């Protein structure tokens, strides 16, 4: 289930909310758990994508199919 990060404009509290996509669409404004304020804004942070597998294989350096594959991929 996706986790969304919010900040309350009234008390500056940052909090996380786990919602399904349907719940997120039906409730665009979240209530602050600290002050019960409804003036909240969703935060969008940065994230890192790790292309290594659990056994630390670097897929970017492997030959075969993938984002860096040549024209002979999957043929």
C-alpha atoms as a PDB file:
ATOM      1  CA  UNK A   1       0.000   0.000   0.000  1.00  0.00           C
ATOM      2  CA  UNK A   2       1.450   3.409  -0.907  1.00  0.00           C
ATOM      3  CA  UNK A   3       2.632   5.724   1.872  1.00  0.00           C
ATOM      4  CA  UNK A   4       2.058   9.457   1.454  1.00  0.00           C
ATOM      5  CA  UNK A   5       3.867  12.144   3.437  1.00  0.00           C
ATOM      6  CA  UNK A   6       2.015  15.277   4.530  1.00  0.00           C
ATOM      7  CA  UNK A   7       2.716  18.438   6.500  1.00  0.00           C
ATOM      8  CA  UNK A   8       0.163  20.386   8.505  1.00  0.00           C
ATOM      9  CA  UNK A   9       0.159  24.104   7.676  1.00  0.00           C
ATOM     10  CA  UNK A  10      -1.239  24.980  11.123  1.00  0.00           C
ATOM     11  CA  UNK A  11       1.173  23.124  13.462  1.00  0.00           C
ATOM     12  CA  UNK A  12       3.997  22.147  11.034  1.00  0.00           C
ATOM     13  CA  UNK A  13       3.632  18.456  11.956  1.00  0.00           C
ATOM     14  CA  UNK A  14       4.921  16.004   9.337  1.00  0.00           C
ATOM     15  CA  UNK A  15       3.096  12.688   9.169  1.00  0.00           C
ATOM     16  CA  UNK A  16       2.703   9.641   6.936  1.00  0.00           C
ATOM     17  CA  UNK A  17      -0.564   8.105   5.765  1.00  0.00           C
ATOM     18  CA  UNK A  18      -0.967   4.696   4.122  1.00  0.00           C
ATOM     19  CA  UNK A  19      -3.819   4.750   1.609  1.00  0.00           C
ATOM     20  CA  UNK A  20      -4.924   2.745  -1.376  1.00  0.00           C
ATOM     21  CA  UNK A  21      -5.159   4.688  -4.632  1.00  0.00           C
ATOM     22  CA  UNK A  22      -8.974   4.721  -4.315  1.00  0.00           C
ATOM     23  CA  UNK A  23      -8.797   6.106  -0.766  1.00  0.00           C
ATOM     24  CA  UNK A  24      -6.336   8.782  -1.875  1.00  0.00           C
ATOM     25  CA  UNK A  25      -8.677   9.899  -4.660  1.00  0.00           C
ATOM     26  CA  UNK A  26     -11.723  10.016  -2.376  1.00  0.00           C
ATOM     27  CA  UNK A  27      -9.916  11.913   0.426  1.00  0.00           C
ATOM     28  CA  UNK A  28      -7.488  14.406  -1.121  1.00  0.00           C
ATOM     29  CA  UNK A  29      -7.094  16.340   2.186  1.00  0.00           C
ATOM     30  CA  UNK A  30      -5.820  14.454   5.214  1.00  0.00           C
ATOM     31  CA  UNK A  31      -6.456  15.430   8.820  1.00  0.00           C
ATOM     32  CA  UNK A  32      -3.413  16.143  10.988  1.00  0.00           C
ATOM     33  CA  UNK A  33      -3.137  13.534  13.770  1.00  0.00           C
ATOM     34  CA  UNK A  34      -1.555  16.099  16.128  1.00  0.00           C
ATOM     35  CA  UNK A  35      -3.929  19.086  15.934  1.00  0.00           C
ATOM     36  CA  UNK A  36      -6.806  17.649  13.830  1.00  0.00           C
ATOM     37  CA  UNK A  37      -6.249  20.456  11.340  1.00  0.00           C
ATOM     38  CA  UNK A  38      -7.466  20.023   7.761  1.00  0.00           C
ATOM     39  CA  UNK A  39      -4.951  22.428   6.192  1.00  0.00           C
ATOM     40  CA  UNK A  40      -2.480  19.792   5.074  1.00  0.00           C
ATOM     41  CA  UNK A  41      -0.250  19.574   2.028  1.00  0.00           C
ATOM     42  CA  UNK A  42       1.213  16.434   0.491  1.00  0.00           C
ATOM     43  CA  UNK A  43       5.001  16.433   0.316  1.00  0.00           C
ATOM     44  CA  UNK A  44       6.907  14.972  -2.607  1.00  0.00           C
ATOM     45  CA  UNK A  45      10.389  13.850  -1.673  1.00  0.00           C
ATOM     46  CA  UNK A  46      13.172  12.377  -3.703  1.00  0.00           C
ATOM     47  CA  UNK A  47      13.858   8.671  -3.966  1.00  0.00           C
ATOM     48  CA  UNK A  48      16.627   6.393  -5.135  1.00  0.00           C
ATOM     49  CA  UNK A  49      16.181   3.448  -7.456  1.00  0.00           C
ATOM     50  CA  UNK A  50      18.655   0.641  -6.837  1.00  0.00           C
ATOM     51  CA  UNK A  51      19.180  -1.537  -9.916  1.00  0.00           C
ATOM     52  CA  UNK A  52      21.082  -4.240  -8.029  1.00  0.00           C
ATOM     53  CA  UNK A  53      19.410  -7.490  -7.094  1.00  0.00           C
ATOM     54  CA  UNK A  54      19.389  -8.890  -3.572  1.00  0.00           C
ATOM     55  CA  UNK A  55      22.684 -10.640  -4.324  1.00  0.00           C
ATOM     56  CA  UNK A  56      24.217  -7.287  -5.430  1.00  0.00           C
ATOM     57  CA  UNK A  57      24.179  -8.077  -9.146  1.00  0.00           C
ATOM     58  CA  UNK A  58      24.518  -4.909 -11.186  1.00  0.00           C
ATOM     59  CA  UNK A  59      22.041  -5.412 -14.030  1.00  0.00           C
ATOM     60  CA  UNK A  60      23.281  -2.327 -15.896  1.00  0.00           C
ATOM     61  CA  UNK A  61      26.591  -4.077 -16.635  1.00  0.00           C
ATOM     62  CA  UNK A  62      25.041  -7.368 -17.790  1.00  0.00           C
ATOM     63  CA  UNK A  63      24.520  -8.249 -21.424  1.00  0.00           C
ATOM     64  CA  UNK A  64      21.143  -9.389 -22.698  1.00  0.00           C
ATOM     65  CA  UNK A  65      17.763  -7.734 -22.444  1.00  0.00           C
ATOM     66  CA  UNK A  66      17.263  -4.620 -20.390  1.00  0.00           C
ATOM     67  CA  UNK A  67      17.343  -0.857 -20.612  1.00  0.00           C
ATOM     68  CA  UNK A  68      20.888  -0.813 -22.034  1.00  0.00           C
ATOM     69  CA  UNK A  69      20.455  -3.726 -24.453  1.00  0.00           C
ATOM     70  CA  UNK A  70      21.400  -3.404 -28.088  1.00  0.00           C
ATOM     71  CA  UNK A  71      19.353  -4.100 -31.205  1.00  0.00           C
ATOM     72  CA  UNK A  72      19.747  -7.874 -30.864  1.00  0.00           C
ATOM     73  CA  UNK A  73      17.836  -7.950 -27.572  1.00  0.00           C
ATOM     74  CA  UNK A  74      15.213 -10.714 -27.325  1.00  0.00           C
ATOM     75  CA  UNK A  75      15.713 -11.900 -30.889  1.00  0.00           C
END
